[in-house]
Amino acid sequence: MQTRSKTPLGEPASGITMGYNITLLAIYVNIYSSPQFDPFFWLKGLIVALPAILVISNVMLGNNICDRDEDIQIGKHTLVYYIGRSAAMKVLIACYVLSYIMIIVAVVLHYLPVLTLLSLVTIPIVYQRIKVFVQHPDKMTIFFNILIGLQLILVSEILFTIIGIIIKVI
């Protein structure tokens, strides 16, 4: 007997599981021996992790946008099934925009170093890639644009955060 998804929770589940939990674990491992406890640790971790949560969710959302017709035929009810392809595209775009906004918010709140703002230089490339995907969402030829967007945002954020931390320590 096969089980099929009957809920639109795959996108947020994957984003939260990978984006939030991995980020929070990485933060915790590096501060667990710190003598002071911060009661807002979880919230600060969420703000820092939101770009990862959003772009990781977009990988599944992009996949489900491409597979919408096939998923309907086999009875798989994803988020795209419930809100439609057009609305799913808007959610996809909004997640990319919010990921960049959350990088700015994390820097303004001093949760990430100022140098992390250099990850915003990826906006034009991500914009072009996602624009192509939105115009022709095809898994075989265009879906890799979603993966490139994820890599550009997360790798640049991590890289510039690490450089910012090193510069601050030196």
N, C-alpha and C. Protein backbone atom coordinates (compact mmCIF):
# COMPACT_ATOMS: atom_id res chain seq x y z
N MET A 1 0.83 -1.18 0.00
CA MET A 1 0.00 0.00 0.00
C MET A 1 0.88 1.25 0.00
N GLN A 2 0.62 2.15 -0.92
CA GLN A 2 1.37 3.40 -0.98
C GLN A 2 0.68 4.46 -0.15
N THR A 3 1.50 5.30 0.48
CA THR A 3 0.93 6.44 1.18
C THR A 3 1.20 7.68 0.34
N ARG A 4 0.25 8.53 0.26
CA ARG A 4 0.38 9.76 -0.50
C ARG A 4 0.13 10.95 0.41
N SER A 5 0.82 12.02 0.12
CA SER A 5 0.68 13.22 0.92
C SER A 5 -0.72 13.80 0.74
N LYS A 6 -1.39 14.00 1.83
CA LYS A 6 -2.74 14.58 1.79
C LYS A 6 -2.76 15.94 2.47
N THR A 7 -1.58 16.48 2.78
CA THR A 7 -1.52 17.77 3.43
C THR A 7 -0.50 18.67 2.71
N PRO A 8 -0.67 19.96 2.83
CA PRO A 8 0.28 20.90 2.20
C PRO A 8 1.43 21.28 3.13
N LEU A 9 1.87 20.35 3.96
CA LEU A 9 2.86 20.68 4.99
C LEU A 9 4.30 20.32 4.63
N GLY A 10 4.53 19.76 3.45
CA GLY A 10 5.88 19.34 3.08
C GLY A 10 6.87 20.47 3.02
N GLU A 11 6.47 21.59 2.43
CA GLU A 11 7.37 22.73 2.29
C GLU A 11 7.79 23.28 3.65
N PRO A 12 6.83 23.63 4.52
CA PRO A 12 7.27 24.15 5.82
C PRO A 12 8.01 23.10 6.65
N ALA A 13 7.62 21.84 6.53
CA ALA A 13 8.30 20.79 7.31
C ALA A 13 9.76 20.66 6.90
N SER A 14 10.02 20.66 5.60
CA SER A 14 11.42 20.54 5.15
C SER A 14 12.22 21.78 5.52
N GLY A 15 11.61 22.95 5.36
CA GLY A 15 12.32 24.19 5.69
C GLY A 15 12.65 24.29 7.16
N ILE A 16 11.69 23.96 8.00
CA ILE A 16 11.91 24.05 9.45
C ILE A 16 12.90 22.98 9.90
N THR A 17 12.72 21.76 9.41
CA THR A 17 13.60 20.66 9.82
C THR A 17 15.05 20.95 9.47
N MET A 18 15.27 21.33 8.23
CA MET A 18 16.65 21.54 7.79
C MET A 18 17.13 22.96 8.10
N GLY A 19 16.34 23.96 7.76
CA GLY A 19 16.77 25.34 7.93
C GLY A 19 16.90 25.77 9.38
N TYR A 20 15.90 25.50 10.18
CA TYR A 20 15.91 25.97 11.57
C TYR A 20 16.73 25.04 12.47
N ASN A 21 16.43 23.77 12.40
CA ASN A 21 17.09 22.83 13.32
C ASN A 21 18.59 22.76 13.10
N ILE A 22 19.03 22.70 11.86
CA ILE A 22 20.47 22.64 11.60
C ILE A 22 21.15 23.93 12.03
N THR A 23 20.55 25.07 11.71
CA THR A 23 21.11 26.35 12.12
C THR A 23 21.18 26.46 13.64
N LEU A 24 20.09 26.11 14.29
CA LEU A 24 20.05 26.20 15.76
C LEU A 24 21.06 25.26 16.40
N LEU A 25 21.19 24.08 15.86
CA LEU A 25 22.17 23.13 16.38
C LEU A 25 23.58 23.66 16.22
N ALA A 26 23.87 24.24 15.06
CA ALA A 26 25.21 24.81 14.83
C ALA A 26 25.49 25.95 15.80
N ILE A 27 24.50 26.80 16.04
CA ILE A 27 24.69 27.90 16.99
C ILE A 27 24.91 27.33 18.38
N TYR A 28 24.08 26.39 18.79
CA TYR A 28 24.16 25.83 20.14
C TYR A 28 25.49 25.15 20.40
N VAL A 29 25.97 24.38 19.44
CA VAL A 29 27.25 23.69 19.59
C VAL A 29 28.37 24.69 19.85
N ASN A 30 28.27 25.86 19.25
CA ASN A 30 29.33 26.85 19.40
C ASN A 30 29.19 27.72 20.64
N ILE A 31 28.04 27.70 21.30
CA ILE A 31 27.87 28.55 22.49
C ILE A 31 27.48 27.78 23.74
N TYR A 32 27.37 26.45 23.67
CA TYR A 32 26.83 25.69 24.79
C TYR A 32 27.62 25.87 26.08
N SER A 33 28.91 26.16 26.00
CA SER A 33 29.70 26.33 27.21
C SER A 33 29.71 27.77 27.70
N SER A 34 28.96 28.63 27.04
CA SER A 34 28.89 30.03 27.44
C SER A 34 28.22 30.13 28.81
N PRO A 35 28.80 30.90 29.72
CA PRO A 35 28.26 30.95 31.08
C PRO A 35 26.90 31.64 31.21
N GLN A 36 26.55 32.47 30.27
CA GLN A 36 25.27 33.18 30.41
C GLN A 36 24.20 32.54 29.53
N PHE A 37 23.00 32.51 30.04
CA PHE A 37 21.87 31.95 29.30
C PHE A 37 21.05 33.08 28.72
N ASP A 38 20.69 32.96 27.48
CA ASP A 38 19.88 33.96 26.80
C ASP A 38 18.47 33.40 26.61
N PRO A 39 17.48 33.95 27.29
CA PRO A 39 16.12 33.41 27.16
C PRO A 39 15.53 33.58 25.76
N PHE A 40 16.14 34.43 24.95
CA PHE A 40 15.63 34.63 23.59
C PHE A 40 16.45 33.87 22.55
N PHE A 41 17.24 32.90 23.00
CA PHE A 41 18.08 32.11 22.12
C PHE A 41 17.29 31.52 20.95
N TRP A 42 16.13 30.95 21.22
CA TRP A 42 15.33 30.28 20.18
C TRP A 42 14.81 31.28 19.16
N LEU A 43 14.39 32.45 19.63
CA LEU A 43 13.88 33.47 18.73
C LEU A 43 15.00 34.06 17.87
N LYS A 44 16.14 34.33 18.48
CA LYS A 44 17.28 34.84 17.73
C LYS A 44 17.73 33.81 16.68
N GLY A 45 17.74 32.55 17.08
CA GLY A 45 18.07 31.47 16.14
C GLY A 45 17.10 31.40 14.98
N LEU A 46 15.82 31.64 15.27
CA LEU A 46 14.81 31.64 14.21
C LEU A 46 15.05 32.77 13.22
N ILE A 47 15.36 33.94 13.73
CA ILE A 47 15.62 35.09 12.85
C ILE A 47 16.83 34.82 11.95
N VAL A 48 17.88 34.27 12.53
CA VAL A 48 19.08 33.96 11.75
C VAL A 48 18.79 32.83 10.75
N ALA A 49 17.95 31.87 11.15
CA ALA A 49 17.67 30.71 10.30
C ALA A 49 16.61 30.96 9.23
N LEU A 50 15.84 32.02 9.33
CA LEU A 50 14.74 32.23 8.38
C LEU A 50 15.16 32.22 6.91
N PRO A 51 16.28 32.83 6.53
CA PRO A 51 16.67 32.70 5.12
C PRO A 51 16.83 31.24 4.69
N ALA A 52 17.44 30.43 5.52
CA ALA A 52 17.61 29.01 5.20
C ALA A 52 16.26 28.30 5.16
N ILE A 53 15.41 28.58 6.13
CA ILE A 53 14.08 27.96 6.16
C ILE A 53 13.33 28.26 4.87
N LEU A 54 13.36 29.51 4.47
CA LEU A 54 12.59 29.94 3.30
C LEU A 54 13.12 29.35 1.99
N VAL A 55 14.42 29.38 1.79
CA VAL A 55 14.95 28.89 0.51
C VAL A 55 14.94 27.36 0.45
N ILE A 56 15.09 26.69 1.59
CA ILE A 56 14.97 25.23 1.59
C ILE A 56 13.53 24.83 1.30
N SER A 57 12.58 25.54 1.87
CA SER A 57 11.17 25.28 1.55
C SER A 57 10.90 25.48 0.07
N ASN A 58 11.58 26.45 -0.51
CA ASN A 58 11.39 26.74 -1.94
C ASN A 58 11.85 25.61 -2.84
N VAL A 59 12.80 24.81 -2.39
CA VAL A 59 13.22 23.67 -3.21
C VAL A 59 12.04 22.71 -3.39
N MET A 60 11.38 22.39 -2.30
CA MET A 60 10.22 21.49 -2.41
C MET A 60 9.07 22.18 -3.13
N LEU A 61 8.86 23.46 -2.87
CA LEU A 61 7.79 24.19 -3.55
C LEU A 61 8.03 24.23 -5.05
N GLY A 62 9.26 24.53 -5.46
CA GLY A 62 9.59 24.54 -6.88
C GLY A 62 9.37 23.19 -7.52
N ASN A 63 9.78 22.13 -6.82
CA ASN A 63 9.57 20.77 -7.31
C ASN A 63 8.07 20.48 -7.47
N ASN A 64 7.30 20.88 -6.47
CA ASN A 64 5.85 20.62 -6.52
C ASN A 64 5.15 21.47 -7.58
N ILE A 65 5.67 22.65 -7.85
CA ILE A 65 5.12 23.46 -8.95
C ILE A 65 5.33 22.72 -10.27
N CYS A 66 6.52 22.19 -10.46
CA CYS A 66 6.82 21.44 -11.69
C CYS A 66 5.98 20.18 -11.81
N ASP A 67 5.72 19.53 -10.68
CA ASP A 67 5.02 18.23 -10.69
C ASP A 67 3.51 18.34 -10.46
N ARG A 68 2.96 19.52 -10.47
CA ARG A 68 1.56 19.72 -10.09
C ARG A 68 0.61 18.78 -10.83
N ASP A 69 0.68 18.75 -12.14
CA ASP A 69 -0.27 17.94 -12.91
C ASP A 69 -0.12 16.45 -12.60
N GLU A 70 1.12 15.98 -12.51
CA GLU A 70 1.36 14.57 -12.20
C GLU A 70 0.91 14.24 -10.78
N ASP A 71 1.15 15.16 -9.86
CA ASP A 71 0.74 14.94 -8.47
C ASP A 71 -0.78 14.82 -8.36
N ILE A 72 -1.50 15.65 -9.09
CA ILE A 72 -2.96 15.59 -9.06
C ILE A 72 -3.43 14.24 -9.59
N GLN A 73 -2.80 13.76 -10.65
CA GLN A 73 -3.19 12.47 -11.24
C GLN A 73 -3.00 11.31 -10.28
N ILE A 74 -1.97 11.37 -9.45
CA ILE A 74 -1.73 10.27 -8.51
C ILE A 74 -2.34 10.52 -7.13
N GLY A 75 -3.05 11.61 -6.97
CA GLY A 75 -3.74 11.90 -5.72
C GLY A 75 -2.87 12.53 -4.64
N LYS A 76 -1.77 13.10 -5.04
CA LYS A 76 -0.88 13.77 -4.08
C LYS A 76 -1.33 15.22 -3.93
N HIS A 77 -1.64 15.62 -2.72
CA HIS A 77 -2.17 16.96 -2.46
C HIS A 77 -1.12 17.83 -1.77
N THR A 78 -0.34 18.51 -2.57
CA THR A 78 0.70 19.39 -2.05
C THR A 78 0.14 20.80 -1.87
N LEU A 79 0.97 21.69 -1.39
CA LEU A 79 0.56 23.09 -1.25
C LEU A 79 0.10 23.66 -2.59
N VAL A 80 0.80 23.30 -3.66
CA VAL A 80 0.45 23.79 -5.00
C VAL A 80 -0.94 23.31 -5.40
N TYR A 81 -1.31 22.12 -5.01
CA TYR A 81 -2.65 21.59 -5.29
C TYR A 81 -3.71 22.48 -4.64
N TYR A 82 -3.46 22.88 -3.41
CA TYR A 82 -4.46 23.66 -2.67
C TYR A 82 -4.53 25.13 -3.09
N ILE A 83 -3.39 25.74 -3.39
CA ILE A 83 -3.42 27.18 -3.68
C ILE A 83 -3.31 27.50 -5.16
N GLY A 84 -2.96 26.52 -5.97
CA GLY A 84 -2.83 26.74 -7.42
C GLY A 84 -1.42 27.16 -7.80
N ARG A 85 -1.10 26.96 -9.05
CA ARG A 85 0.26 27.25 -9.55
C ARG A 85 0.59 28.74 -9.47
N SER A 86 -0.35 29.60 -9.82
CA SER A 86 -0.10 31.04 -9.82
C SER A 86 0.22 31.54 -8.41
N ALA A 87 -0.59 31.15 -7.44
CA ALA A 87 -0.35 31.56 -6.06
C ALA A 87 0.94 30.95 -5.52
N ALA A 88 1.23 29.72 -5.93
CA ALA A 88 2.47 29.06 -5.50
C ALA A 88 3.69 29.82 -6.01
N MET A 89 3.60 30.34 -7.24
CA MET A 89 4.70 31.14 -7.78
C MET A 89 4.90 32.40 -6.94
N LYS A 90 3.80 33.01 -6.52
CA LYS A 90 3.90 34.21 -5.68
C LYS A 90 4.52 33.89 -4.33
N VAL A 91 4.17 32.74 -3.77
CA VAL A 91 4.76 32.32 -2.50
C VAL A 91 6.25 32.08 -2.69
N LEU A 92 6.63 31.44 -3.78
CA LEU A 92 8.03 31.16 -4.09
C LEU A 92 8.83 32.46 -4.14
N ILE A 93 8.33 33.43 -4.88
CA ILE A 93 9.00 34.73 -5.01
C ILE A 93 9.06 35.43 -3.65
N ALA A 94 7.96 35.40 -2.92
CA ALA A 94 7.91 36.05 -1.60
C ALA A 94 8.93 35.44 -0.64
N CYS A 95 9.13 34.14 -0.73
CA CYS A 95 10.11 33.49 0.15
C CYS A 95 11.53 33.97 -0.16
N TYR A 96 11.83 34.16 -1.45
CA TYR A 96 13.16 34.69 -1.79
C TYR A 96 13.32 36.12 -1.27
N VAL A 97 12.32 36.94 -1.47
CA VAL A 97 12.38 38.33 -1.01
C VAL A 97 12.52 38.37 0.51
N LEU A 98 11.72 37.57 1.20
CA LEU A 98 11.79 37.54 2.67
C LEU A 98 13.13 37.01 3.17
N SER A 99 13.73 36.10 2.44
CA SER A 99 15.04 35.59 2.89
C SER A 99 16.07 36.72 2.91
N TYR A 100 16.05 37.56 1.89
CA TYR A 100 16.98 38.70 1.88
C TYR A 100 16.61 39.72 2.96
N ILE A 101 15.33 39.95 3.15
CA ILE A 101 14.90 40.89 4.20
C ILE A 101 15.36 40.39 5.57
N MET A 102 15.26 39.09 5.80
CA MET A 102 15.65 38.55 7.10
C MET A 102 17.16 38.61 7.33
N ILE A 103 17.93 38.56 6.26
CA ILE A 103 19.39 38.77 6.41
C ILE A 103 19.63 40.19 6.92
N ILE A 104 18.93 41.14 6.33
CA ILE A 104 19.06 42.54 6.75
C ILE A 104 18.61 42.70 8.20
N VAL A 105 17.48 42.11 8.55
CA VAL A 105 16.96 42.20 9.91
C VAL A 105 17.97 41.61 10.90
N ALA A 106 18.54 40.45 10.58
CA ALA A 106 19.52 39.82 11.48
C ALA A 106 20.75 40.69 11.68
N VAL A 107 21.16 41.38 10.64
CA VAL A 107 22.32 42.28 10.75
C VAL A 107 21.93 43.51 11.59
N VAL A 108 20.77 44.10 11.32
CA VAL A 108 20.32 45.28 12.06
C VAL A 108 20.19 44.96 13.56
N LEU A 109 19.74 43.75 13.87
CA LEU A 109 19.60 43.34 15.27
C LEU A 109 20.92 42.86 15.88
N HIS A 110 21.99 42.91 15.10
CA HIS A 110 23.33 42.51 15.53
C HIS A 110 23.43 41.01 15.84
N TYR A 111 22.61 40.20 15.18
CA TYR A 111 22.71 38.75 15.31
C TYR A 111 23.72 38.19 14.31
N LEU A 112 23.96 38.93 13.24
CA LEU A 112 24.96 38.58 12.22
C LEU A 112 25.86 39.78 12.00
N PRO A 113 27.11 39.55 11.60
CA PRO A 113 28.01 40.69 11.36
C PRO A 113 27.58 41.51 10.15
N VAL A 114 27.94 42.77 10.14
CA VAL A 114 27.58 43.69 9.06
C VAL A 114 28.05 43.17 7.71
N LEU A 115 29.19 42.51 7.68
CA LEU A 115 29.72 42.00 6.42
C LEU A 115 28.76 41.00 5.75
N THR A 116 27.87 40.41 6.51
CA THR A 116 26.88 39.48 5.95
C THR A 116 26.01 40.17 4.90
N LEU A 117 25.88 41.47 5.00
CA LEU A 117 25.09 42.21 4.01
C LEU A 117 25.66 42.07 2.60
N LEU A 118 26.92 41.69 2.47
CA LEU A 118 27.49 41.48 1.14
C LEU A 118 26.80 40.34 0.39
N SER A 119 26.08 39.49 1.13
CA SER A 119 25.33 38.42 0.45
C SER A 119 24.21 38.99 -0.41
N LEU A 120 23.87 40.25 -0.20
CA LEU A 120 22.84 40.88 -1.03
C LEU A 120 23.30 41.08 -2.47
N VAL A 121 24.60 40.96 -2.73
CA VAL A 121 25.09 41.08 -4.11
C VAL A 121 24.56 39.94 -4.98
N THR A 122 24.04 38.90 -4.37
CA THR A 122 23.49 37.78 -5.15
C THR A 122 22.08 38.06 -5.67
N ILE A 123 21.47 39.13 -5.23
CA ILE A 123 20.08 39.42 -5.62
C ILE A 123 19.89 39.42 -7.14
N PRO A 124 20.70 40.13 -7.93
CA PRO A 124 20.45 40.14 -9.38
C PRO A 124 20.54 38.76 -10.02
N ILE A 125 21.47 37.94 -9.58
CA ILE A 125 21.60 36.60 -10.16
C ILE A 125 20.41 35.73 -9.77
N VAL A 126 20.05 35.76 -8.49
CA VAL A 126 18.90 34.97 -8.03
C VAL A 126 17.63 35.45 -8.72
N TYR A 127 17.49 36.75 -8.84
CA TYR A 127 16.31 37.32 -9.52
C TYR A 127 16.19 36.77 -10.94
N GLN A 128 17.28 36.81 -11.69
CA GLN A 128 17.25 36.32 -13.08
C GLN A 128 16.91 34.83 -13.14
N ARG A 129 17.50 34.05 -12.26
CA ARG A 129 17.26 32.60 -12.24
C ARG A 129 15.80 32.29 -11.91
N ILE A 130 15.27 32.97 -10.92
CA ILE A 130 13.90 32.71 -10.50
C ILE A 130 12.91 33.23 -11.55
N LYS A 131 13.23 34.33 -12.18
CA LYS A 131 12.40 34.87 -13.26
C LYS A 131 12.26 33.83 -14.38
N VAL A 132 13.35 33.19 -14.75
CA VAL A 132 13.31 32.15 -15.78
C VAL A 132 12.45 30.98 -15.32
N PHE A 133 12.60 30.58 -14.05
CA PHE A 133 11.80 29.47 -13.52
C PHE A 133 10.31 29.81 -13.54
N VAL A 134 9.97 31.00 -13.11
CA VAL A 134 8.56 31.41 -13.06
C VAL A 134 7.94 31.43 -14.46
N GLN A 135 8.72 31.85 -15.44
CA GLN A 135 8.21 31.90 -16.81
C GLN A 135 8.01 30.52 -17.41
N HIS A 136 8.85 29.56 -17.02
CA HIS A 136 8.74 28.22 -17.60
C HIS A 136 9.17 27.18 -16.56
N PRO A 137 8.28 26.84 -15.62
CA PRO A 137 8.65 25.91 -14.55
C PRO A 137 8.74 24.46 -15.05
N ASP A 138 9.91 24.07 -15.48
CA ASP A 138 10.11 22.72 -16.01
C ASP A 138 11.20 22.04 -15.18
N LYS A 139 10.90 20.86 -14.68
CA LYS A 139 11.84 20.16 -13.80
C LYS A 139 13.11 19.74 -14.53
N MET A 140 12.98 19.32 -15.76
CA MET A 140 14.13 18.78 -16.48
C MET A 140 15.12 19.85 -16.94
N THR A 141 14.63 21.04 -17.27
CA THR A 141 15.52 22.04 -17.85
C THR A 141 15.72 23.30 -17.00
N ILE A 142 14.78 23.64 -16.16
CA ILE A 142 14.82 24.93 -15.45
C ILE A 142 14.88 24.80 -13.93
N PHE A 143 14.49 23.66 -13.37
CA PHE A 143 14.41 23.52 -11.92
C PHE A 143 15.73 23.82 -11.23
N PHE A 144 16.85 23.53 -11.89
CA PHE A 144 18.16 23.78 -11.27
C PHE A 144 18.31 25.24 -10.84
N ASN A 145 17.53 26.15 -11.43
CA ASN A 145 17.59 27.56 -11.03
C ASN A 145 17.18 27.73 -9.56
N ILE A 146 16.26 26.91 -9.10
CA ILE A 146 15.84 26.95 -7.70
C ILE A 146 17.02 26.54 -6.82
N LEU A 147 17.72 25.49 -7.23
CA LEU A 147 18.88 25.02 -6.45
C LEU A 147 20.01 26.03 -6.46
N ILE A 148 20.22 26.69 -7.58
CA ILE A 148 21.25 27.73 -7.66
C ILE A 148 20.90 28.90 -6.75
N GLY A 149 19.62 29.28 -6.72
CA GLY A 149 19.17 30.35 -5.82
C GLY A 149 19.44 30.00 -4.36
N LEU A 150 19.14 28.77 -3.98
CA LEU A 150 19.40 28.31 -2.62
C LEU A 150 20.89 28.40 -2.32
N GLN A 151 21.71 27.89 -3.21
CA GLN A 151 23.15 27.89 -2.98
C GLN A 151 23.72 29.30 -2.91
N LEU A 152 23.30 30.16 -3.81
CA LEU A 152 23.82 31.53 -3.80
C LEU A 152 23.49 32.25 -2.50
N ILE A 153 22.26 32.13 -2.07
CA ILE A 153 21.84 32.83 -0.86
C ILE A 153 22.54 32.26 0.37
N LEU A 154 22.48 30.94 0.54
CA LEU A 154 23.02 30.35 1.76
C LEU A 154 24.55 30.36 1.81
N VAL A 155 25.18 30.03 0.70
CA VAL A 155 26.65 30.01 0.70
C VAL A 155 27.20 31.42 0.92
N SER A 156 26.61 32.40 0.24
CA SER A 156 27.11 33.77 0.43
C SER A 156 26.86 34.25 1.86
N GLU A 157 25.71 33.92 2.41
CA GLU A 157 25.42 34.33 3.79
C GLU A 157 26.41 33.69 4.76
N ILE A 158 26.65 32.40 4.61
CA ILE A 158 27.58 31.71 5.49
C ILE A 158 29.00 32.25 5.31
N LEU A 159 29.42 32.39 4.07
CA LEU A 159 30.77 32.87 3.77
C LEU A 159 31.02 34.26 4.36
N PHE A 160 30.11 35.20 4.09
CA PHE A 160 30.31 36.56 4.58
C PHE A 160 30.14 36.65 6.10
N THR A 161 29.32 35.78 6.68
CA THR A 161 29.20 35.75 8.13
C THR A 161 30.51 35.28 8.76
N ILE A 162 31.08 34.22 8.21
CA ILE A 162 32.35 33.71 8.73
C ILE A 162 33.45 34.76 8.60
N ILE A 163 33.54 35.40 7.44
CA ILE A 163 34.55 36.44 7.25
C ILE A 163 34.32 37.59 8.24
N GLY A 164 33.06 37.96 8.43
CA GLY A 164 32.73 39.02 9.39
C GLY A 164 33.13 38.67 10.81
N ILE A 165 32.92 37.43 11.19
CA ILE A 165 33.31 36.97 12.53
C ILE A 165 34.83 36.98 12.68
N ILE A 166 35.52 36.49 11.67
CA ILE A 166 37.00 36.48 11.71
C ILE A 166 37.55 37.89 11.83
N ILE A 167 37.02 38.80 11.04
CA ILE A 167 37.48 40.20 11.09
C ILE A 167 37.22 40.81 12.47
N LYS A 168 36.08 40.48 13.06
CA LYS A 168 35.75 41.01 14.39
C LYS A 168 36.69 40.48 15.46
N VAL A 169 37.09 39.23 15.33
CA VAL A 169 37.97 38.61 16.30
C VAL A 169 39.40 39.15 16.16
N ILE A 170 39.80 39.43 14.94
CA ILE A 170 41.17 39.93 14.71
C ILE A 170 41.23 41.34 15.13
